[in-house]
Full PDB file with SEQRES, HELIX, SHEET, SSBOND, CRYST1, ORIGX, SCALE, CONECT and MASTER records, all heavy atoms in Angstrom:
SEQRES   1 A   41  THR ASN ILE ILE PHE GLN GLU LYS GLY PHE LYS VAL VAL          
SEQRES   2 A   41  THR ALA LYS GLY GLU TYR ILE ALA SER VAL VAL ILE LEU          
SEQRES   3 A   41  ALA THR GLY ASN LYS LYS ASN ARG PRO LYS ILE LYS ARG          
SEQRES   4 A   41  ILE GLU                                                      
SHEET    1 AA1 3 ASN A   2  PHE A   5  0                                        
SHEET    2 AA1 3 PHE A  10  VAL A  13 -1                                        
SHEET    3 AA1 3 GLU A  18  ALA A  21 -1                                        
CRYST1    1.000    1.000    1.000  90.00  90.00  90.00 P 1           1          
ORIGX1      1.000000  0.000000  0.000000        0.00000                         
ORIGX2      0.000000  1.000000  0.000000        0.00000                         
ORIGX3      0.000000  0.000000  1.000000        0.00000                         
SCALE1      1.000000  0.000000  0.000000        0.00000                         
SCALE2      0.000000  1.000000  0.000000        0.00000                         
SCALE3      0.000000  0.000000  1.000000        0.00000                         
ATOM      1  N   THR A   1     -24.863 -30.289   2.097  1.00  0.00           N  
ATOM      2  CA  THR A   1     -25.541 -31.041   3.153  1.00  0.00           C  
ATOM      3  C   THR A   1     -25.197 -30.618   4.572  1.00  0.00           C  
ATOM      4  O   THR A   1     -25.894 -30.820   5.536  1.00  0.00           O  
ATOM      5  CB  THR A   1     -25.281 -32.557   3.091  1.00  0.00           C  
ATOM      6  OG1 THR A   1     -23.834 -32.772   3.136  1.00  0.00           O  
ATOM      7  CG2 THR A   1     -25.732 -33.066   1.751  1.00  0.00           C  
ATOM      8  N   ASN A   2     -24.019 -29.869   4.653  1.00  0.00           N  
ATOM      9  CA  ASN A   2     -23.658 -29.426   6.065  1.00  0.00           C  
ATOM     10  C   ASN A   2     -22.645 -28.305   5.919  1.00  0.00           C  
ATOM     11  O   ASN A   2     -21.888 -28.198   4.965  1.00  0.00           O  
ATOM     12  CB  ASN A   2     -22.970 -30.599   6.813  1.00  0.00           C  
ATOM     13  CG  ASN A   2     -23.095 -30.412   8.278  1.00  0.00           C  
ATOM     14  OD1 ASN A   2     -23.545 -29.437   8.770  1.00  0.00           O  
ATOM     15  ND2 ASN A   2     -22.662 -31.434   9.048  1.00  0.00           N  
ATOM     16  N   ILE A   3     -22.592 -27.544   6.940  1.00  0.00           N  
ATOM     17  CA  ILE A   3     -21.590 -26.450   7.114  1.00  0.00           C  
ATOM     18  C   ILE A   3     -21.038 -26.548   8.475  1.00  0.00           C  
ATOM     19  O   ILE A   3     -21.743 -26.579   9.531  1.00  0.00           O  
ATOM     20  CB  ILE A   3     -22.199 -25.009   6.920  1.00  0.00           C  
ATOM     21  CG1 ILE A   3     -22.863 -24.900   5.551  1.00  0.00           C  
ATOM     22  CG2 ILE A   3     -21.109 -24.043   7.025  1.00  0.00           C  
ATOM     23  CD1 ILE A   3     -23.631 -23.616   5.387  1.00  0.00           C  
ATOM     24  N   ILE A   4     -19.682 -26.594   8.596  1.00  0.00           N  
ATOM     25  CA  ILE A   4     -19.075 -26.807   9.904  1.00  0.00           C  
ATOM     26  C   ILE A   4     -18.146 -25.639  10.229  1.00  0.00           C  
ATOM     27  O   ILE A   4     -17.252 -25.337   9.360  1.00  0.00           O  
ATOM     28  CB  ILE A   4     -18.287 -28.151   9.917  1.00  0.00           C  
ATOM     29  CG1 ILE A   4     -19.154 -29.301   9.650  1.00  0.00           C  
ATOM     30  CG2 ILE A   4     -17.547 -28.378  11.252  1.00  0.00           C  
ATOM     31  CD1 ILE A   4     -18.486 -30.588   9.297  1.00  0.00           C  
ATOM     32  N   PHE A   5     -18.371 -25.022  11.351  1.00  0.00           N  
ATOM     33  CA  PHE A   5     -17.495 -23.930  11.760  1.00  0.00           C  
ATOM     34  C   PHE A   5     -16.199 -24.381  12.260  1.00  0.00           C  
ATOM     35  O   PHE A   5     -16.113 -25.367  12.985  1.00  0.00           O  
ATOM     36  CB  PHE A   5     -18.148 -23.118  12.914  1.00  0.00           C  
ATOM     37  CG  PHE A   5     -17.331 -21.954  13.306  1.00  0.00           C  
ATOM     38  CD1 PHE A   5     -17.241 -20.837  12.544  1.00  0.00           C  
ATOM     39  CD2 PHE A   5     -16.746 -22.006  14.631  1.00  0.00           C  
ATOM     40  CE1 PHE A   5     -16.469 -19.679  12.960  1.00  0.00           C  
ATOM     41  CE2 PHE A   5     -15.989 -20.873  15.063  1.00  0.00           C  
ATOM     42  CZ  PHE A   5     -15.857 -19.761  14.240  1.00  0.00           C  
ATOM     43  N   GLN A   6     -15.070 -23.887  11.756  1.00  0.00           N  
ATOM     44  CA  GLN A   6     -13.716 -24.306  12.135  1.00  0.00           C  
ATOM     45  C   GLN A   6     -13.050 -23.129  12.785  1.00  0.00           C  
ATOM     46  O   GLN A   6     -13.547 -21.996  12.825  1.00  0.00           O  
ATOM     47  CB  GLN A   6     -12.898 -24.771  10.906  1.00  0.00           C  
ATOM     48  CG  GLN A   6     -13.611 -25.968  10.228  1.00  0.00           C  
ATOM     49  CD  GLN A   6     -12.778 -26.545   9.158  1.00  0.00           C  
ATOM     50  OE1 GLN A   6     -12.662 -27.736   9.011  1.00  0.00           O  
ATOM     51  NE2 GLN A   6     -12.184 -25.714   8.288  1.00  0.00           N  
ATOM     52  N   GLU A   7     -11.798 -23.364  13.261  1.00  0.00           N  
ATOM     53  CA  GLU A   7     -10.992 -22.349  13.875  1.00  0.00           C  
ATOM     54  C   GLU A   7     -10.794 -21.127  12.984  1.00  0.00           C  
ATOM     55  O   GLU A   7     -10.862 -19.975  13.358  1.00  0.00           O  
ATOM     56  CB  GLU A   7      -9.733 -22.910  14.408  1.00  0.00           C  
ATOM     57  CG  GLU A   7      -8.873 -21.867  15.207  1.00  0.00           C  
ATOM     58  CD  GLU A   7      -7.586 -22.499  15.714  1.00  0.00           C  
ATOM     59  OE1 GLU A   7      -7.355 -23.707  15.571  1.00  0.00           O  
ATOM     60  OE2 GLU A   7      -6.770 -21.654  16.235  1.00  0.00           O  
ATOM     61  N   LYS A   8     -10.534 -21.456  11.693  1.00  0.00           N  
ATOM     62  CA  LYS A   8     -10.348 -20.423  10.667  1.00  0.00           C  
ATOM     63  C   LYS A   8     -11.327 -20.657   9.575  1.00  0.00           C  
ATOM     64  O   LYS A   8     -11.018 -21.446   8.626  1.00  0.00           O  
ATOM     65  CB  LYS A   8      -8.902 -20.385  10.218  1.00  0.00           C  
ATOM     66  CG  LYS A   8      -7.919 -19.952  11.276  1.00  0.00           C  
ATOM     67  CD  LYS A   8      -6.525 -19.841  10.725  1.00  0.00           C  
ATOM     68  CE  LYS A   8      -5.487 -19.375  11.777  1.00  0.00           C  
ATOM     69  NZ  LYS A   8      -4.167 -19.291  11.207  1.00  0.00           N  
ATOM     70  N   GLY A   9     -12.491 -20.038   9.655  1.00  0.00           N  
ATOM     71  CA  GLY A   9     -13.442 -20.226   8.493  1.00  0.00           C  
ATOM     72  C   GLY A   9     -14.374 -21.321   8.681  1.00  0.00           C  
ATOM     73  O   GLY A   9     -14.797 -21.731   9.811  1.00  0.00           O  
ATOM     74  N   PHE A  10     -14.774 -21.855   7.536  1.00  0.00           N  
ATOM     75  CA  PHE A  10     -15.858 -22.868   7.491  1.00  0.00           C  
ATOM     76  C   PHE A  10     -15.527 -23.985   6.521  1.00  0.00           C  
ATOM     77  O   PHE A  10     -14.864 -23.802   5.552  1.00  0.00           O  
ATOM     78  CB  PHE A  10     -17.186 -22.282   7.038  1.00  0.00           C  
ATOM     79  CG  PHE A  10     -17.627 -21.138   7.871  1.00  0.00           C  
ATOM     80  CD1 PHE A  10     -17.228 -19.827   7.676  1.00  0.00           C  
ATOM     81  CD2 PHE A  10     -18.592 -21.384   8.940  1.00  0.00           C  
ATOM     82  CE1 PHE A  10     -17.685 -18.791   8.469  1.00  0.00           C  
ATOM     83  CE2 PHE A  10     -19.053 -20.346   9.739  1.00  0.00           C  
ATOM     84  CZ  PHE A  10     -18.602 -19.076   9.528  1.00  0.00           C  
ATOM     85  N   LYS A  11     -16.011 -25.235   6.851  1.00  0.00           N  
ATOM     86  CA  LYS A  11     -15.938 -26.354   6.012  1.00  0.00           C  
ATOM     87  C   LYS A  11     -17.354 -26.579   5.458  1.00  0.00           C  
ATOM     88  O   LYS A  11     -18.297 -26.799   6.227  1.00  0.00           O  
ATOM     89  CB  LYS A  11     -15.432 -27.635   6.618  1.00  0.00           C  
ATOM     90  CG  LYS A  11     -15.367 -28.799   5.767  1.00  0.00           C  
ATOM     91  CD  LYS A  11     -14.553 -29.948   6.313  1.00  0.00           C  
ATOM     92  CE  LYS A  11     -15.142 -30.539   7.575  1.00  0.00           C  
ATOM     93  NZ  LYS A  11     -14.404 -31.757   8.074  1.00  0.00           N  
ATOM     94  N   VAL A  12     -17.505 -26.584   4.085  1.00  0.00           N  
ATOM     95  CA  VAL A  12     -18.782 -26.771   3.498  1.00  0.00           C  
ATOM     96  C   VAL A  12     -18.814 -28.164   2.861  1.00  0.00           C  
ATOM     97  O   VAL A  12     -17.852 -28.463   2.092  1.00  0.00           O  
ATOM     98  CB  VAL A  12     -19.004 -25.720   2.338  1.00  0.00           C  
ATOM     99  CG1 VAL A  12     -20.291 -25.973   1.610  1.00  0.00           C  
ATOM    100  CG2 VAL A  12     -19.045 -24.246   2.958  1.00  0.00           C  
ATOM    101  N   VAL A  13     -19.692 -28.979   3.273  1.00  0.00           N  
ATOM    102  CA  VAL A  13     -19.758 -30.339   2.906  1.00  0.00           C  
ATOM    103  C   VAL A  13     -20.847 -30.505   1.856  1.00  0.00           C  
ATOM    104  O   VAL A  13     -22.013 -30.095   2.094  1.00  0.00           O  
ATOM    105  CB  VAL A  13     -20.019 -31.291   4.065  1.00  0.00           C  
ATOM    106  CG1 VAL A  13     -20.076 -32.735   3.653  1.00  0.00           C  
ATOM    107  CG2 VAL A  13     -19.013 -31.087   5.171  1.00  0.00           C  
ATOM    108  N   THR A  14     -20.527 -31.115   0.752  1.00  0.00           N  
ATOM    109  CA  THR A  14     -21.536 -31.367  -0.318  1.00  0.00           C  
ATOM    110  C   THR A  14     -21.667 -32.861  -0.517  1.00  0.00           C  
ATOM    111  O   THR A  14     -20.938 -33.647   0.091  1.00  0.00           O  
ATOM    112  CB  THR A  14     -21.226 -30.671  -1.657  1.00  0.00           C  
ATOM    113  OG1 THR A  14     -20.152 -31.464  -2.252  1.00  0.00           O  
ATOM    114  CG2 THR A  14     -20.749 -29.257  -1.439  1.00  0.00           C  
ATOM    115  N   ALA A  15     -22.567 -33.258  -1.370  1.00  0.00           N  
ATOM    116  CA  ALA A  15     -22.716 -34.669  -1.747  1.00  0.00           C  
ATOM    117  C   ALA A  15     -21.575 -35.307  -2.456  1.00  0.00           C  
ATOM    118  O   ALA A  15     -21.364 -36.478  -2.601  1.00  0.00           O  
ATOM    119  CB  ALA A  15     -23.976 -34.885  -2.596  1.00  0.00           C  
ATOM    120  N   LYS A  16     -20.620 -34.354  -2.994  1.00  0.00           N  
ATOM    121  CA  LYS A  16     -19.464 -34.802  -3.719  1.00  0.00           C  
ATOM    122  C   LYS A  16     -18.073 -34.546  -3.086  1.00  0.00           C  
ATOM    123  O   LYS A  16     -17.142 -35.082  -3.492  1.00  0.00           O  
ATOM    124  CB  LYS A  16     -19.525 -34.163  -5.110  1.00  0.00           C  
ATOM    125  CG  LYS A  16     -20.713 -34.593  -5.984  1.00  0.00           C  
ATOM    126  CD  LYS A  16     -20.659 -33.884  -7.299  1.00  0.00           C  
ATOM    127  CE  LYS A  16     -21.823 -34.284  -8.122  1.00  0.00           C  
ATOM    128  NZ  LYS A  16     -21.847 -33.624  -9.498  1.00  0.00           N  
ATOM    129  N   GLY A  17     -18.038 -33.646  -2.053  1.00  0.00           N  
ATOM    130  CA  GLY A  17     -16.809 -33.313  -1.539  1.00  0.00           C  
ATOM    131  C   GLY A  17     -16.871 -32.348  -0.417  1.00  0.00           C  
ATOM    132  O   GLY A  17     -17.975 -32.011   0.116  1.00  0.00           O  
ATOM    133  N   GLU A  18     -15.688 -31.780   0.018  1.00  0.00           N  
ATOM    134  CA  GLU A  18     -15.635 -30.709   1.087  1.00  0.00           C  
ATOM    135  C   GLU A  18     -14.790 -29.610   0.581  1.00  0.00           C  
ATOM    136  O   GLU A  18     -13.816 -29.761  -0.191  1.00  0.00           O  
ATOM    137  CB  GLU A  18     -14.947 -31.368   2.295  1.00  0.00           C  
ATOM    138  CG  GLU A  18     -15.727 -32.632   2.899  1.00  0.00           C  
ATOM    139  CD  GLU A  18     -15.097 -33.161   4.100  1.00  0.00           C  
ATOM    140  OE1 GLU A  18     -13.884 -32.865   4.404  1.00  0.00           O  
ATOM    141  OE2 GLU A  18     -15.677 -33.977   4.813  1.00  0.00           O  
ATOM    142  N   TYR A  19     -15.279 -28.414   1.022  1.00  0.00           N  
ATOM    143  CA  TYR A  19     -14.589 -27.141   0.553  1.00  0.00           C  
ATOM    144  C   TYR A  19     -14.458 -26.224   1.766  1.00  0.00           C  
ATOM    145  O   TYR A  19     -15.229 -26.230   2.685  1.00  0.00           O  
ATOM    146  CB  TYR A  19     -15.477 -26.468  -0.507  1.00  0.00           C  
ATOM    147  CG  TYR A  19     -15.786 -27.379  -1.698  1.00  0.00           C  
ATOM    148  CD1 TYR A  19     -16.796 -28.283  -1.624  1.00  0.00           C  
ATOM    149  CD2 TYR A  19     -15.057 -27.224  -2.897  1.00  0.00           C  
ATOM    150  CE1 TYR A  19     -17.106 -29.141  -2.670  1.00  0.00           C  
ATOM    151  CE2 TYR A  19     -15.340 -28.085  -3.937  1.00  0.00           C  
ATOM    152  CZ  TYR A  19     -16.403 -29.042  -3.903  1.00  0.00           C  
ATOM    153  OH  TYR A  19     -16.641 -29.789  -4.965  1.00  0.00           O  
ATOM    154  N   ILE A  20     -13.312 -25.473   1.766  1.00  0.00           N  
ATOM    155  CA  ILE A  20     -13.023 -24.553   2.844  1.00  0.00           C  
ATOM    156  C   ILE A  20     -13.142 -23.157   2.362  1.00  0.00           C  
ATOM    157  O   ILE A  20     -12.738 -22.821   1.276  1.00  0.00           O  
ATOM    158  CB  ILE A  20     -11.561 -24.745   3.359  1.00  0.00           C  
ATOM    159  CG1 ILE A  20     -11.334 -26.292   3.690  1.00  0.00           C  
ATOM    160  CG2 ILE A  20     -11.285 -23.882   4.535  1.00  0.00           C  
ATOM    161  CD1 ILE A  20     -12.216 -26.784   4.795  1.00  0.00           C  
ATOM    162  N   ALA A  21     -13.719 -22.285   3.212  1.00  0.00           N  
ATOM    163  CA  ALA A  21     -13.946 -20.853   2.919  1.00  0.00           C  
ATOM    164  C   ALA A  21     -13.761 -19.991   4.146  1.00  0.00           C  
ATOM    165  O   ALA A  21     -14.041 -20.459   5.281  1.00  0.00           O  
ATOM    166  CB  ALA A  21     -15.267 -20.567   2.259  1.00  0.00           C  
ATOM    167  N   SER A  22     -13.259 -18.773   3.921  1.00  0.00           N  
ATOM    168  CA  SER A  22     -13.223 -17.872   5.040  1.00  0.00           C  
ATOM    169  C   SER A  22     -14.584 -17.377   5.457  1.00  0.00           C  
ATOM    170  O   SER A  22     -14.851 -17.064   6.663  1.00  0.00           O  
ATOM    171  CB  SER A  22     -12.311 -16.669   4.740  1.00  0.00           C  
ATOM    172  OG  SER A  22     -11.050 -17.056   4.368  1.00  0.00           O  
ATOM    173  N   VAL A  23     -15.472 -17.137   4.425  1.00  0.00           N  
ATOM    174  CA  VAL A  23     -16.883 -16.638   4.696  1.00  0.00           C  
ATOM    175  C   VAL A  23     -17.815 -17.491   3.926  1.00  0.00           C  
ATOM    176  O   VAL A  23     -17.548 -17.988   2.830  1.00  0.00           O  
ATOM    177  CB  VAL A  23     -16.869 -15.231   4.201  1.00  0.00           C  
ATOM    178  CG1 VAL A  23     -18.313 -14.677   4.312  1.00  0.00           C  
ATOM    179  CG2 VAL A  23     -15.947 -14.295   5.036  1.00  0.00           C  
ATOM    180  N   VAL A  24     -18.988 -17.674   4.524  1.00  0.00           N  
ATOM    181  CA  VAL A  24     -20.048 -18.412   3.809  1.00  0.00           C  
ATOM    182  C   VAL A  24     -21.336 -17.475   3.803  1.00  0.00           C  
ATOM    183  O   VAL A  24     -21.611 -16.848   4.852  1.00  0.00           O  
ATOM    184  CB  VAL A  24     -20.462 -19.712   4.567  1.00  0.00           C  
ATOM    185  CG1 VAL A  24     -21.750 -20.271   3.963  1.00  0.00           C  
ATOM    186  CG2 VAL A  24     -19.365 -20.757   4.398  1.00  0.00           C  
ATOM    187  N   ILE A  25     -21.936 -17.273   2.684  1.00  0.00           N  
ATOM    188  CA  ILE A  25     -23.138 -16.537   2.528  1.00  0.00           C  
ATOM    189  C   ILE A  25     -24.330 -17.520   2.229  1.00  0.00           C  
ATOM    190  O   ILE A  25     -24.197 -18.290   1.310  1.00  0.00           O  
ATOM    191  CB  ILE A  25     -23.022 -15.465   1.430  1.00  0.00           C  
ATOM    192  CG1 ILE A  25     -21.916 -14.482   1.799  1.00  0.00           C  
ATOM    193  CG2 ILE A  25     -24.388 -14.760   1.171  1.00  0.00           C  
ATOM    194  CD1 ILE A  25     -21.674 -13.451   0.647  1.00  0.00           C  
ATOM    195  N   LEU A  26     -25.313 -17.454   3.025  1.00  0.00           N  
ATOM    196  CA  LEU A  26     -26.473 -18.298   2.911  1.00  0.00           C  
ATOM    197  C   LEU A  26     -27.534 -17.539   2.109  1.00  0.00           C  
ATOM    198  O   LEU A  26     -28.003 -16.569   2.469  1.00  0.00           O  
ATOM    199  CB  LEU A  26     -27.095 -18.768   4.189  1.00  0.00           C  
ATOM    200  CG  LEU A  26     -26.129 -19.465   5.163  1.00  0.00           C  
ATOM    201  CD1 LEU A  26     -26.810 -19.685   6.484  1.00  0.00           C  
ATOM    202  CD2 LEU A  26     -25.636 -20.757   4.576  1.00  0.00           C  
ATOM    203  N   ALA A  27     -27.779 -18.093   0.845  1.00  0.00           N  
ATOM    204  CA  ALA A  27     -28.789 -17.387  -0.061  1.00  0.00           C  
ATOM    205  C   ALA A  27     -29.719 -18.424  -0.670  1.00  0.00           C  
ATOM    206  O   ALA A  27     -30.012 -18.305  -1.834  1.00  0.00           O  
ATOM    207  CB  ALA A  27     -28.018 -16.648  -1.101  1.00  0.00           C  
ATOM    208  N   THR A  28     -30.103 -19.397   0.096  1.00  0.00           N  
ATOM    209  CA  THR A  28     -31.009 -20.461  -0.388  1.00  0.00           C  
ATOM    210  C   THR A  28     -32.471 -20.217  -0.283  1.00  0.00           C  
ATOM    211  O   THR A  28     -33.306 -20.954  -0.685  1.00  0.00           O  
ATOM    212  CB  THR A  28     -30.684 -21.800   0.318  1.00  0.00           C  
ATOM    213  OG1 THR A  28     -30.965 -21.697   1.708  1.00  0.00           O  
ATOM    214  CG2 THR A  28     -29.242 -22.191   0.143  1.00  0.00           C  
ATOM    215  N   GLY A  29     -32.797 -19.106   0.429  1.00  0.00           N  
ATOM    216  CA  GLY A  29     -34.129 -18.934   0.786  1.00  0.00           C  
ATOM    217  C   GLY A  29     -34.507 -19.760   2.063  1.00  0.00           C  
ATOM    218  O   GLY A  29     -33.696 -20.424   2.557  1.00  0.00           O  
ATOM    219  N   ASN A  30     -35.666 -19.623   2.503  1.00  0.00           N  
ATOM    220  CA  ASN A  30     -36.073 -20.247   3.782  1.00  0.00           C  
ATOM    221  C   ASN A  30     -37.246 -21.181   3.522  1.00  0.00           C  
ATOM    222  O   ASN A  30     -38.415 -20.850   3.687  1.00  0.00           O  
ATOM    223  CB  ASN A  30     -36.436 -19.235   4.881  1.00  0.00           C  
ATOM    224  CG  ASN A  30     -36.769 -19.985   6.189  1.00  0.00           C  
ATOM    225  OD1 ASN A  30     -36.217 -21.024   6.426  1.00  0.00           O  
ATOM    226  ND2 ASN A  30     -37.572 -19.372   6.922  1.00  0.00           N  
ATOM    227  N   LYS A  31     -36.872 -22.356   3.023  1.00  0.00           N  
ATOM    228  CA  LYS A  31     -37.933 -23.410   2.726  1.00  0.00           C  
ATOM    229  C   LYS A  31     -38.223 -24.138   4.005  1.00  0.00           C  
ATOM    230  O   LYS A  31     -37.251 -24.749   4.580  1.00  0.00           O  
ATOM    231  CB  LYS A  31     -37.558 -24.279   1.583  1.00  0.00           C  
ATOM    232  CG  LYS A  31     -37.203 -23.583   0.279  1.00  0.00           C  
ATOM    233  CD  LYS A  31     -36.589 -24.594  -0.624  1.00  0.00           C  
ATOM    234  CE  LYS A  31     -35.255 -25.051  -0.099  1.00  0.00           C  
ATOM    235  NZ  LYS A  31     -34.582 -25.990  -1.054  1.00  0.00           N  
ATOM    236  N   LYS A  32     -39.423 -24.362   4.396  1.00  0.00           N  
ATOM    237  CA  LYS A  32     -39.741 -25.260   5.446  1.00  0.00           C  
ATOM    238  C   LYS A  32     -40.400 -26.488   4.878  1.00  0.00           C  
ATOM    239  O   LYS A  32     -41.522 -26.421   4.446  1.00  0.00           O  
ATOM    240  CB  LYS A  32     -40.663 -24.579   6.588  1.00  0.00           C  
ATOM    241  CG  LYS A  32     -40.769 -25.413   7.755  1.00  0.00           C  
ATOM    242  CD  LYS A  32     -41.202 -24.578   8.988  1.00  0.00           C  
ATOM    243  CE  LYS A  32     -41.187 -25.404  10.209  1.00  0.00           C  
ATOM    244  NZ  LYS A  32     -41.562 -24.646  11.408  1.00  0.00           N  
ATOM    245  N   ASN A  33     -39.606 -27.584   4.879  1.00  0.00           N  
ATOM    246  CA  ASN A  33     -40.153 -28.777   4.246  1.00  0.00           C  
ATOM    247  C   ASN A  33     -40.937 -29.639   5.232  1.00  0.00           C  
ATOM    248  O   ASN A  33     -40.428 -30.617   5.784  1.00  0.00           O  
ATOM    249  CB  ASN A  33     -38.924 -29.602   3.730  1.00  0.00           C  
ATOM    250  CG  ASN A  33     -38.193 -28.905   2.639  1.00  0.00           C  
ATOM    251  OD1 ASN A  33     -38.744 -28.360   1.723  1.00  0.00           O  
ATOM    252  ND2 ASN A  33     -36.836 -28.788   2.816  1.00  0.00           N  
ATOM    253  N   ARG A  34     -42.119 -29.138   5.542  1.00  0.00           N  
ATOM    254  CA  ARG A  34     -43.026 -29.880   6.409  1.00  0.00           C  
ATOM    255  C   ARG A  34     -43.841 -30.933   5.602  1.00  0.00           C  
ATOM    256  O   ARG A  34     -44.617 -30.535   4.696  1.00  0.00           O  
ATOM    257  CB  ARG A  34     -43.916 -28.950   7.120  1.00  0.00           C  
ATOM    258  CG  ARG A  34     -44.919 -29.708   8.096  1.00  0.00           C  
ATOM    259  CD  ARG A  34     -45.957 -28.731   8.653  1.00  0.00           C  
ATOM    260  NE  ARG A  34     -45.374 -27.826   9.613  1.00  0.00           N  
ATOM    261  CZ  ARG A  34     -45.729 -26.562   9.752  1.00  0.00           C  
ATOM    262  NH1 ARG A  34     -46.650 -26.025   8.928  1.00  0.00           N  
ATOM    263  NH2 ARG A  34     -45.184 -25.735  10.630  1.00  0.00           N  
ATOM    264  N   PRO A  35     -43.648 -32.137   5.869  1.00  0.00           N  
ATOM    265  CA  PRO A  35     -44.430 -33.200   5.087  1.00  0.00           C  
ATOM    266  C   PRO A  35     -45.891 -33.095   5.364  1.00  0.00           C  
ATOM    267  O   PRO A  35     -46.301 -32.619   6.413  1.00  0.00           O  
ATOM    268  CB  PRO A  35     -43.831 -34.525   5.523  1.00  0.00           C  
ATOM    269  CG  PRO A  35     -42.685 -34.202   6.432  1.00  0.00           C  
ATOM    270  CD  PRO A  35     -42.807 -32.794   6.856  1.00  0.00           C  
ATOM    271  N   LYS A  36     -46.697 -33.630   4.413  1.00  0.00           N  
ATOM    272  CA  LYS A  36     -48.187 -33.634   4.593  1.00  0.00           C  
ATOM    273  C   LYS A  36     -48.519 -34.810   5.395  1.00  0.00           C  
ATOM    274  O   LYS A  36     -48.958 -35.867   4.826  1.00  0.00           O  
ATOM    275  CB  LYS A  36     -48.860 -33.531   3.241  1.00  0.00           C  
ATOM    276  CG  LYS A  36     -48.666 -32.214   2.542  1.00  0.00           C  
ATOM    277  CD  LYS A  36     -49.337 -32.163   1.158  1.00  0.00           C  
ATOM    278  CE  LYS A  36     -49.164 -30.845   0.480  1.00  0.00           C  
ATOM    279  NZ  LYS A  36     -49.748 -30.745  -0.864  1.00  0.00           N  
ATOM    280  N   ILE A  37     -48.311 -34.802   6.660  1.00  0.00           N  
ATOM    281  CA  ILE A  37     -48.544 -35.880   7.581  1.00  0.00           C  
ATOM    282  C   ILE A  37     -49.534 -35.388   8.654  1.00  0.00           C  
ATOM    283  O   ILE A  37     -49.292 -34.285   9.266  1.00  0.00           O  
ATOM    284  CB  ILE A  37     -47.320 -36.464   8.214  1.00  0.00           C  
ATOM    285  CG1 ILE A  37     -46.370 -36.958   7.118  1.00  0.00           C  
ATOM    286  CG2 ILE A  37     -47.626 -37.497   9.250  1.00  0.00           C  
ATOM    287  CD1 ILE A  37     -44.979 -37.255   7.696  1.00  0.00           C  
ATOM    288  N   LYS A  38     -50.598 -36.088   8.900  1.00  0.00           N  
ATOM    289  CA  LYS A  38     -51.588 -35.606   9.926  1.00  0.00           C  
ATOM    290  C   LYS A  38     -50.917 -35.463  11.249  1.00  0.00           C  
ATOM    291  O   LYS A  38     -50.171 -36.251  11.688  1.00  0.00           O  
ATOM    292  CB  LYS A  38     -52.745 -36.684  10.023  1.00  0.00           C  
ATOM    293  CG  LYS A  38     -53.598 -36.671   8.767  1.00  0.00           C  
ATOM    294  CD  LYS A  38     -54.644 -37.780   8.927  1.00  0.00           C  
ATOM    295  CE  LYS A  38     -55.504 -37.965   7.634  1.00  0.00           C  
ATOM    296  NZ  LYS A  38     -56.488 -39.018   7.675  1.00  0.00           N  
ATOM    297  N   ARG A  39     -51.208 -34.301  11.842  1.00  0.00           N  
ATOM    298  CA  ARG A  39     -50.860 -33.886  13.245  1.00  0.00           C  
ATOM    299  C   ARG A  39     -49.342 -33.621  13.417  1.00  0.00           C  
ATOM    300  O   ARG A  39     -48.904 -33.416  14.560  1.00  0.00           O  
ATOM    301  CB  ARG A  39     -51.214 -35.063  14.261  1.00  0.00           C  
ATOM    302  CG  ARG A  39     -52.810 -35.268  14.362  1.00  0.00           C  
ATOM    303  CD  ARG A  39     -53.107 -36.010  15.659  1.00  0.00           C  
ATOM    304  NE  ARG A  39     -52.835 -35.103  16.778  1.00  0.00           N  
ATOM    305  CZ  ARG A  39     -52.685 -35.557  18.033  1.00  0.00           C  
ATOM    306  NH1 ARG A  39     -52.849 -36.833  18.332  1.00  0.00           N  
ATOM    307  NH2 ARG A  39     -52.550 -34.692  19.073  1.00  0.00           N  
ATOM    308  N   ILE A  40     -48.577 -33.566  12.340  1.00  0.00           N  
ATOM    309  CA  ILE A  40     -47.185 -33.237  12.475  1.00  0.00           C  
ATOM    310  C   ILE A  40     -46.991 -31.921  13.113  1.00  0.00           C  
ATOM    311  O   ILE A  40     -46.057 -31.695  13.968  1.00  0.00           O  
ATOM    312  CB  ILE A  40     -46.418 -33.339  11.129  1.00  0.00           C  
ATOM    313  CG1 ILE A  40     -44.893 -33.301  11.424  1.00  0.00           C  
ATOM    314  CG2 ILE A  40     -46.839 -32.315  10.071  1.00  0.00           C  
ATOM    315  CD1 ILE A  40     -44.101 -33.699  10.173  1.00  0.00           C  
ATOM    316  N   GLU A  41     -47.787 -30.960  12.752  1.00  0.00           N  
ATOM    317  CA  GLU A  41     -47.623 -29.602  13.266  1.00  0.00           C  
ATOM    318  C   GLU A  41     -47.965 -29.556  14.796  1.00  0.00           C  
ATOM    319  O   GLU A  41     -47.345 -28.771  15.554  1.00  0.00           O  
ATOM    320  CB  GLU A  41     -48.616 -28.592  12.535  1.00  0.00           C  
ATOM    321  CG  GLU A  41     -48.346 -27.140  12.851  1.00  0.00           C  
ATOM    322  CD  GLU A  41     -49.078 -26.194  11.950  1.00  0.00           C  
ATOM    323  OE1 GLU A  41     -49.848 -26.750  11.050  1.00  0.00           O  
ATOM    324  OE2 GLU A  41     -49.013 -25.043  12.088  1.00  0.00           O  
TER     325      GLU A  41                                                      
MASTER        0    0    0    0    3    0    0    6  324    1    0    4          
END                                                                             
């Protein structure tokens, strides 16, 4: 749900906990979750 940059590395926050890493690789693809709502665009 979140990634937080820290002085040394990153804190990765999930729905179940928090994890620390020196490097984070984003490989989720680029989904744009635009709801089907009139005039939102």
